[in-house]
Amino acid sequence: MVFTSGGCRDLRQYMNDPRVREAFGKLISGRSGYTTVVEKREEILVCSNCNYQLVGDEKFCPECGTKIEKKKTE
């Protein structure tokens, strides 16, 4: 069993399982066949110096040369 740094169970491996979505939909709506909408947000990366929009795999900004610092969001 995998735990997060806060001591909670890490259940991300089950996020895209259709059986879990069906069970969650039934729990929320009270009826079978309800599908939940899972919104996944993609954070747009921009250079902190010149606000150039980055692809995400750069180590340095192609516009101004500033080193890109990526933040951990887990």
PDB file of N, CA and C in Angstrom:
ATOM      1  N   MET A   1       0.850  -1.173   0.000  1.00  0.00           N
ATOM      2  CA  MET A   1       0.000   0.000   0.000  1.00  0.00           C
ATOM      3  C   MET A   1       0.897   1.239   0.000  1.00  0.00           C
ATOM      4  N   VAL A   2       0.598   2.187  -0.859  1.00  0.00           N
ATOM      5  CA  VAL A   2       1.398   3.400  -0.977  1.00  0.00           C
ATOM      6  C   VAL A   2       0.721   4.531  -0.205  1.00  0.00           C
ATOM      7  N   PHE A   3       1.522   5.281   0.532  1.00  0.00           N
ATOM      8  CA  PHE A   3       1.018   6.407   1.299  1.00  0.00           C
ATOM      9  C   PHE A   3       1.664   7.693   0.813  1.00  0.00           C
ATOM     10  N   THR A   4       0.928   8.788   0.904  1.00  0.00           N
ATOM     11  CA  THR A   4       1.467  10.098   0.563  1.00  0.00           C
ATOM     12  C   THR A   4       2.287  10.621   1.729  1.00  0.00           C
ATOM     13  N   SER A   5       2.938  11.768   1.534  1.00  0.00           N
ATOM     14  CA  SER A   5       3.771  12.326   2.594  1.00  0.00           C
ATOM     15  C   SER A   5       2.942  12.717   3.815  1.00  0.00           C
ATOM     16  N   GLY A   6       1.646  12.961   3.635  1.00  0.00           N
ATOM     17  CA  GLY A   6       0.774  13.309   4.752  1.00  0.00           C
ATOM     18  C   GLY A   6       0.214  12.095   5.474  1.00  0.00           C
ATOM     19  N   GLY A   7       0.555  10.877   5.021  1.00  0.00           N
ATOM     20  CA  GLY A   7       0.098   9.668   5.676  1.00  0.00           C
ATOM     21  C   GLY A   7      -1.204   9.128   5.123  1.00  0.00           C
ATOM     22  N   CYS A   8      -1.724   9.705   4.058  1.00  0.00           N
ATOM     23  CA  CYS A   8      -2.971   9.237   3.445  1.00  0.00           C
ATOM     24  C   CYS A   8      -2.658   8.212   2.359  1.00  0.00           C
ATOM     25  N   ARG A   9      -3.621   7.371   2.052  1.00  0.00           N
ATOM     26  CA  ARG A   9      -3.441   6.395   0.974  1.00  0.00           C
ATOM     27  C   ARG A   9      -3.401   7.122  -0.365  1.00  0.00           C
ATOM     28  N   ASP A  10      -2.500   6.696  -1.230  1.00  0.00           N
ATOM     29  CA  ASP A  10      -2.378   7.273  -2.564  1.00  0.00           C
ATOM     30  C   ASP A  10      -3.271   6.471  -3.515  1.00  0.00           C
ATOM     31  N   LEU A  11      -4.404   7.031  -3.897  1.00  0.00           N
ATOM     32  CA  LEU A  11      -5.387   6.335  -4.728  1.00  0.00           C
ATOM     33  C   LEU A  11      -5.401   6.829  -6.171  1.00  0.00           C
ATOM     34  N   ARG A  12      -4.375   7.572  -6.580  1.00  0.00           N
ATOM     35  CA  ARG A  12      -4.347   8.121  -7.938  1.00  0.00           C
ATOM     36  C   ARG A  12      -4.323   7.051  -9.004  1.00  0.00           C
ATOM     37  N   GLN A  13      -3.852   5.862  -8.679  1.00  0.00           N
ATOM     38  CA  GLN A  13      -3.799   4.792  -9.672  1.00  0.00           C
ATOM     39  C   GLN A  13      -5.202   4.337 -10.092  1.00  0.00           C
ATOM     40  N   TYR A  14      -6.205   4.623  -9.293  1.00  0.00           N
ATOM     41  CA  TYR A  14      -7.576   4.213  -9.588  1.00  0.00           C
ATOM     42  C   TYR A  14      -8.407   5.307 -10.261  1.00  0.00           C
ATOM     43  N   MET A  15      -7.816   6.479 -10.511  1.00  0.00           N
ATOM     44  CA  MET A  15      -8.575   7.620 -11.036  1.00  0.00           C
ATOM     45  C   MET A  15      -9.275   7.331 -12.361  1.00  0.00           C
ATOM     46  N   ASN A  16      -8.628   6.620 -13.272  1.00  0.00           N
ATOM     47  CA  ASN A  16      -9.183   6.411 -14.599  1.00  0.00           C
ATOM     48  C   ASN A  16      -9.850   5.052 -14.774  1.00  0.00           C
ATOM     49  N   ASP A  17     -10.036   4.310 -13.705  1.00  0.00           N
ATOM     50  CA  ASP A  17     -10.687   3.009 -13.766  1.00  0.00           C
ATOM     51  C   ASP A  17     -12.187   3.208 -13.970  1.00  0.00           C
ATOM     52  N   PRO A  18     -12.772   2.620 -15.026  1.00  0.00           N
ATOM     53  CA  PRO A  18     -14.210   2.815 -15.286  1.00  0.00           C
ATOM     54  C   PRO A  18     -15.111   2.279 -14.175  1.00  0.00           C
ATOM     55  N   ARG A  19     -14.670   1.250 -13.462  1.00  0.00           N
ATOM     56  CA  ARG A  19     -15.484   0.713 -12.361  1.00  0.00           C
ATOM     57  C   ARG A  19     -15.564   1.705 -11.209  1.00  0.00           C
ATOM     58  N   VAL A  20     -14.467   2.401 -10.959  1.00  0.00           N
ATOM     59  CA  VAL A  20     -14.449   3.401  -9.896  1.00  0.00           C
ATOM     60  C   VAL A  20     -15.327   4.584 -10.289  1.00  0.00           C
ATOM     61  N   ARG A  21     -15.270   5.002 -11.543  1.00  0.00           N
ATOM     62  CA  ARG A  21     -16.122   6.109 -12.012  1.00  0.00           C
ATOM     63  C   ARG A  21     -17.603   5.751 -11.898  1.00  0.00           C
ATOM     64  N   GLU A  22     -17.941   4.509 -12.245  1.00  0.00           N
ATOM     65  CA  GLU A  22     -19.339   4.066 -12.152  1.00  0.00           C
ATOM     66  C   GLU A  22     -19.799   4.053 -10.697  1.00  0.00           C
ATOM     67  N   ALA A  23     -18.971   3.538  -9.809  1.00  0.00           N
ATOM     68  CA  ALA A  23     -19.328   3.489  -8.384  1.00  0.00           C
ATOM     69  C   ALA A  23     -19.451   4.897  -7.810  1.00  0.00           C
ATOM     70  N   PHE A  24     -18.550   5.788  -8.173  1.00  0.00           N
ATOM     71  CA  PHE A  24     -18.597   7.163  -7.685  1.00  0.00           C
ATOM     72  C   PHE A  24     -19.835   7.881  -8.215  1.00  0.00           C
ATOM     73  N   GLY A  25     -20.152   7.669  -9.491  1.00  0.00           N
ATOM     74  CA  GLY A  25     -21.348   8.273 -10.073  1.00  0.00           C
ATOM     75  C   GLY A  25     -22.616   7.806  -9.402  1.00  0.00           C
ATOM     76  N   LYS A  26     -22.664   6.519  -9.082  1.00  0.00           N
ATOM     77  CA  LYS A  26     -23.833   5.966  -8.385  1.00  0.00           C
ATOM     78  C   LYS A  26     -23.927   6.516  -6.971  1.00  0.00           C
ATOM     79  N   LEU A  27     -22.796   6.674  -6.303  1.00  0.00           N
ATOM     80  CA  LEU A  27     -22.765   7.230  -4.953  1.00  0.00           C
ATOM     81  C   LEU A  27     -23.257   8.674  -4.937  1.00  0.00           C
ATOM     82  N   ILE A  28     -22.812   9.462  -5.902  1.00  0.00           N
ATOM     83  CA  ILE A  28     -23.168  10.881  -5.957  1.00  0.00           C
ATOM     84  C   ILE A  28     -24.622  11.092  -6.377  1.00  0.00           C
ATOM     85  N   SER A  29     -25.058  10.394  -7.442  1.00  0.00           N
ATOM     86  CA  SER A  29     -26.384  10.658  -7.993  1.00  0.00           C
ATOM     87  C   SER A  29     -27.485   9.783  -7.412  1.00  0.00           C
ATOM     88  N   GLY A  30     -27.109   8.624  -6.869  1.00  0.00           N
ATOM     89  CA  GLY A  30     -28.115   7.705  -6.351  1.00  0.00           C
ATOM     90  C   GLY A  30     -28.712   6.815  -7.415  1.00  0.00           C
ATOM     91  N   ARG A  31     -28.225   6.907  -8.641  1.00  0.00           N
ATOM     92  CA  ARG A  31     -28.732   6.056  -9.716  1.00  0.00           C
ATOM     93  C   ARG A  31     -27.565   5.571 -10.570  1.00  0.00           C
ATOM     94  N   SER A  32     -27.777   4.476 -11.245  1.00  0.00           N
ATOM     95  CA  SER A  32     -26.745   3.908 -12.093  1.00  0.00           C
ATOM     96  C   SER A  32     -26.699   4.630 -13.432  1.00  0.00           C
ATOM     97  N   GLY A  33     -25.542   4.669 -14.051  1.00  0.00           N
ATOM     98  CA  GLY A  33     -25.410   5.281 -15.366  1.00  0.00           C
ATOM     99  C   GLY A  33     -24.997   6.737 -15.341  1.00  0.00           C
ATOM    100  N   TYR A  34     -24.920   7.344 -14.178  1.00  0.00           N
ATOM    101  CA  TYR A  34     -24.504   8.739 -14.072  1.00  0.00           C
ATOM    102  C   TYR A  34     -22.985   8.801 -14.211  1.00  0.00           C
ATOM    103  N   THR A  35     -22.500   9.640 -15.099  1.00  0.00           N
ATOM    104  CA  THR A  35     -21.053   9.775 -15.251  1.00  0.00           C
ATOM    105  C   THR A  35     -20.615  11.128 -14.710  1.00  0.00           C
ATOM    106  N   THR A  36     -19.583  11.088 -13.922  1.00  0.00           N
ATOM    107  CA  THR A  36     -19.055  12.311 -13.350  1.00  0.00           C
ATOM    108  C   THR A  36     -18.088  12.961 -14.331  1.00  0.00           C
ATOM    109  N   VAL A  37     -17.956  14.248 -14.243  1.00  0.00           N
ATOM    110  CA  VAL A  37     -17.004  14.978 -15.068  1.00  0.00           C
ATOM    111  C   VAL A  37     -15.802  15.296 -14.191  1.00  0.00           C
ATOM    112  N   VAL A  38     -14.654  14.783 -14.593  1.00  0.00           N
ATOM    113  CA  VAL A  38     -13.426  15.024 -13.850  1.00  0.00           C
ATOM    114  C   VAL A  38     -12.646  16.094 -14.609  1.00  0.00           C
ATOM    115  N   GLU A  39     -12.489  17.222 -13.966  1.00  0.00           N
ATOM    116  CA  GLU A  39     -11.787  18.328 -14.603  1.00  0.00           C
ATOM    117  C   GLU A  39     -10.314  18.246 -14.259  1.00  0.00           C
ATOM    118  N   LYS A  40      -9.492  18.194 -15.284  1.00  0.00           N
ATOM    119  CA  LYS A  40      -8.050  18.182 -15.086  1.00  0.00           C
ATOM    120  C   LYS A  40      -7.505  19.487 -15.619  1.00  0.00           C
ATOM    121  N   ARG A  41      -6.924  20.254 -14.735  1.00  0.00           N
ATOM    122  CA  ARG A  41      -6.387  21.559 -15.120  1.00  0.00           C
ATOM    123  C   ARG A  41      -4.923  21.430 -15.488  1.00  0.00           C
ATOM    124  N   GLU A  42      -4.570  22.061 -16.582  1.00  0.00           N
ATOM    125  CA  GLU A  42      -3.181  22.111 -16.985  1.00  0.00           C
ATOM    126  C   GLU A  42      -2.667  23.512 -16.719  1.00  0.00           C
ATOM    127  N   GLU A  43      -1.620  23.583 -15.936  1.00  0.00           N
ATOM    128  CA  GLU A  43      -1.048  24.869 -15.598  1.00  0.00           C
ATOM    129  C   GLU A  43      -0.167  25.344 -16.747  1.00  0.00           C
ATOM    130  N   ILE A  44      -0.383  26.566 -17.190  1.00  0.00           N
ATOM    131  CA  ILE A  44       0.409  27.138 -18.264  1.00  0.00           C
ATOM    132  C   ILE A  44       1.704  27.671 -17.664  1.00  0.00           C
ATOM    133  N   LEU A  45       2.829  27.202 -18.187  1.00  0.00           N
ATOM    134  CA  LEU A  45       4.124  27.634 -17.694  1.00  0.00           C
ATOM    135  C   LEU A  45       4.587  28.871 -18.447  1.00  0.00           C
ATOM    136  N   VAL A  46       5.022  29.861 -17.707  1.00  0.00           N
ATOM    137  CA  VAL A  46       5.564  31.078 -18.309  1.00  0.00           C
ATOM    138  C   VAL A  46       6.876  31.422 -17.622  1.00  0.00           C
ATOM    139  N   CYS A  47       7.741  32.088 -18.361  1.00  0.00           N
ATOM    140  CA  CYS A  47       9.012  32.539 -17.816  1.00  0.00           C
ATOM    141  C   CYS A  47       8.748  33.616 -16.774  1.00  0.00           C
ATOM    142  N   SER A  48       9.438  33.516 -15.636  1.00  0.00           N
ATOM    143  CA  SER A  48       9.244  34.496 -14.565  1.00  0.00           C
ATOM    144  C   SER A  48       9.858  35.851 -14.904  1.00  0.00           C
ATOM    145  N   ASN A  49      10.742  35.892 -15.877  1.00  0.00           N
ATOM    146  CA  ASN A  49      11.408  37.139 -16.243  1.00  0.00           C
ATOM    147  C   ASN A  49      10.682  37.886 -17.363  1.00  0.00           C
ATOM    148  N   CYS A  50      10.341  37.177 -18.462  1.00  0.00           N
ATOM    149  CA  CYS A  50       9.778  37.864 -19.628  1.00  0.00           C
ATOM    150  C   CYS A  50       8.351  37.439 -19.965  1.00  0.00           C
ATOM    151  N   ASN A  51       7.762  36.527 -19.192  1.00  0.00           N
ATOM    152  CA  ASN A  51       6.396  36.009 -19.393  1.00  0.00           C
ATOM    153  C   ASN A  51       6.207  35.297 -20.728  1.00  0.00           C
ATOM    154  N   TYR A  52       7.275  34.730 -21.275  1.00  0.00           N
ATOM    155  CA  TYR A  52       7.202  33.933 -22.489  1.00  0.00           C
ATOM    156  C   TYR A  52       6.542  32.602 -22.155  1.00  0.00           C
ATOM    157  N   GLN A  53       5.565  32.165 -22.966  1.00  0.00           N
ATOM    158  CA  GLN A  53       4.865  30.916 -22.704  1.00  0.00           C
ATOM    159  C   GLN A  53       5.759  29.737 -23.079  1.00  0.00           C
ATOM    160  N   LEU A  54       5.956  28.827 -22.125  1.00  0.00           N
ATOM    161  CA  LEU A  54       6.873  27.702 -22.284  1.00  0.00           C
ATOM    162  C   LEU A  54       6.116  26.424 -22.601  1.00  0.00           C
ATOM    163  N   VAL A  55       6.813  25.496 -23.241  1.00  0.00           N
ATOM    164  CA  VAL A  55       6.232  24.188 -23.550  1.00  0.00           C
ATOM    165  C   VAL A  55       6.196  23.320 -22.297  1.00  0.00           C
ATOM    166  N   GLY A  56       7.254  23.389 -21.489  1.00  0.00           N
ATOM    167  CA  GLY A  56       7.280  22.642 -20.244  1.00  0.00           C
ATOM    168  C   GLY A  56       8.516  21.809 -20.045  1.00  0.00           C
ATOM    169  N   ASP A  57       9.302  21.589 -21.099  1.00  0.00           N
ATOM    170  CA  ASP A  57      10.509  20.778 -20.947  1.00  0.00           C
ATOM    171  C   ASP A  57      11.794  21.593 -21.046  1.00  0.00           C
ATOM    172  N   GLU A  58      11.680  22.901 -21.066  1.00  0.00           N
ATOM    173  CA  GLU A  58      12.850  23.758 -21.167  1.00  0.00           C
ATOM    174  C   GLU A  58      13.554  23.903 -19.818  1.00  0.00           C
ATOM    175  N   LYS A  59      14.865  24.035 -19.859  1.00  0.00           N
ATOM    176  CA  LYS A  59      15.640  24.324 -18.654  1.00  0.00           C
ATOM    177  C   LYS A  59      15.947  25.813 -18.581  1.00  0.00           C
ATOM    178  N   PHE A  60      15.981  26.443 -19.755  1.00  0.00           N
ATOM    179  CA  PHE A  60      16.209  27.881 -19.853  1.00  0.00           C
ATOM    180  C   PHE A  60      15.198  28.467 -20.818  1.00  0.00           C
ATOM    181  N   CYS A  61      14.779  29.694 -20.579  1.00  0.00           N
ATOM    182  CA  CYS A  61      13.820  30.369 -21.448  1.00  0.00           C
ATOM    183  C   CYS A  61      14.464  30.609 -22.813  1.00  0.00           C
ATOM    184  N   PRO A  62      13.801  30.192 -23.898  1.00  0.00           N
ATOM    185  CA  PRO A  62      14.366  30.416 -25.226  1.00  0.00           C
ATOM    186  C   PRO A  62      14.342  31.891 -25.638  1.00  0.00           C
ATOM    187  N   GLU A  63      13.572  32.705 -24.957  1.00  0.00           N
ATOM    188  CA  GLU A  63      13.452  34.130 -25.298  1.00  0.00           C
ATOM    189  C   GLU A  63      14.521  34.974 -24.607  1.00  0.00           C
ATOM    190  N   CYS A  64      14.674  34.784 -23.278  1.00  0.00           N
ATOM    191  CA  CYS A  64      15.596  35.659 -22.534  1.00  0.00           C
ATOM    192  C   CYS A  64      16.746  34.920 -21.863  1.00  0.00           C
ATOM    193  N   GLY A  65      16.705  33.591 -21.798  1.00  0.00           N
ATOM    194  CA  GLY A  65      17.799  32.817 -21.230  1.00  0.00           C
ATOM    195  C   GLY A  65      17.735  32.591 -19.731  1.00  0.00           C
ATOM    196  N   THR A  66      16.656  33.009 -19.077  1.00  0.00           N
ATOM    197  CA  THR A  66      16.508  32.827 -17.636  1.00  0.00           C
ATOM    198  C   THR A  66      16.315  31.345 -17.312  1.00  0.00           C
ATOM    199  N   LYS A  67      16.962  30.867 -16.231  1.00  0.00           N
ATOM    200  CA  LYS A  67      16.806  29.484 -15.807  1.00  0.00           C
ATOM    201  C   LYS A  67      15.372  29.278 -15.310  1.00  0.00           C
ATOM    202  N   ILE A  68      14.763  28.172 -15.745  1.00  0.00           N
ATOM    203  CA  ILE A  68      13.380  27.865 -15.401  1.00  0.00           C
ATOM    204  C   ILE A  68      13.355  27.048 -14.124  1.00  0.00           C
ATOM    205  N   GLU A  69      12.665  27.539 -13.122  1.00  0.00           N
ATOM    206  CA  GLU A  69      12.493  26.836 -11.845  1.00  0.00           C
ATOM    207  C   GLU A  69      11.097  26.238 -11.830  1.00  0.00           C
ATOM    208  N   LYS A  70      11.028  24.911 -11.770  1.00  0.00           N
ATOM    209  CA  LYS A  70       9.727  24.244 -11.744  1.00  0.00           C
ATOM    210  C   LYS A  70       9.316  23.990 -10.314  1.00  0.00           C
ATOM    211  N   LYS A  71       8.036  24.230 -10.017  1.00  0.00           N
ATOM    212  CA  LYS A  71       7.503  24.055  -8.669  1.00  0.00           C
ATOM    213  C   LYS A  71       6.868  22.687  -8.562  1.00  0.00           C
ATOM    214  N   LYS A  72       7.082  22.012  -7.425  1.00  0.00           N
ATOM    215  CA  LYS A  72       6.412  20.738  -7.141  1.00  0.00           C
ATOM    216  C   LYS A  72       5.014  21.021  -6.633  1.00  0.00           C
ATOM    217  N   THR A  73       3.997  20.315  -7.170  1.00  0.00           N
ATOM    218  CA  THR A  73       2.607  20.558  -6.766  1.00  0.00           C
ATOM    219  C   THR A  73       1.968  19.324  -6.151  1.00  0.00           C
ATOM    220  N   GLU A  74       2.762  18.393  -5.628  1.00  0.00           N
ATOM    221  CA  GLU A  74       2.169  17.182  -5.035  1.00  0.00           C
ATOM    222  C   GLU A  74       1.838  17.393  -3.601  1.00  0.00           C
TER     223      GLU A  74
END
